[in-house]
Amino acid sequence: MEFEQVLELVDRVAAAGLSSFVYETADTKIALKGRENGPAALPAGVSAFPQHQEPEAAAAGLGDGSRENALQLSGRIVTSPLVGTFYAAPSEDAAPYVKVGDSVKKGQILAIVEAMKLMNEIESEYDGVVSRILVKDGEPVEYGQPLFCLE
């Protein structure tokens, strides 16, 4: 299985809210476990691989039905492009990439999301000022989850 296929599989398992998933071949074994409060199994007739999601919901990271949480977010939202662990700084002893009140330019690194031992830089999609940081350092994040609000 190619790396890109693994990432897509991880994203879909996370979006489905599965409590666990195991994929095994002769030379590969992948075991994933979803959120502790996620459903143990999908109801009959519900696909684990959603074919379509509303663009507004996907952009705001609302695939889990928490539309009311999005009402509290304002400005331009930077979301996580993958499932992983959020890091605000390049190393434990370094200063964070950005803090509330910092001006940022499009393409500037805001944070890192670690996925499968790979560090993925999260770049700003917009020019603006960081008004809120929605995730704490070291927290797990999901695909499409809002990370930053920019004004």
Foldseek 3Di string as FASTA:
>chain_A
DDPVVVQVVQQLQALLQEQWDWDDDPPDIDIDGGDPPGDPDDDPPDDSGDPDDPPVCLLAVNSVPVVVVCVPADAHFFFDQGWAWKAQCPDPPDDGQDDAFDWFAFQRFGTWGDDPNDTHTRTHNHTFGWHDADDDGGHIHHHSHTGTHGD
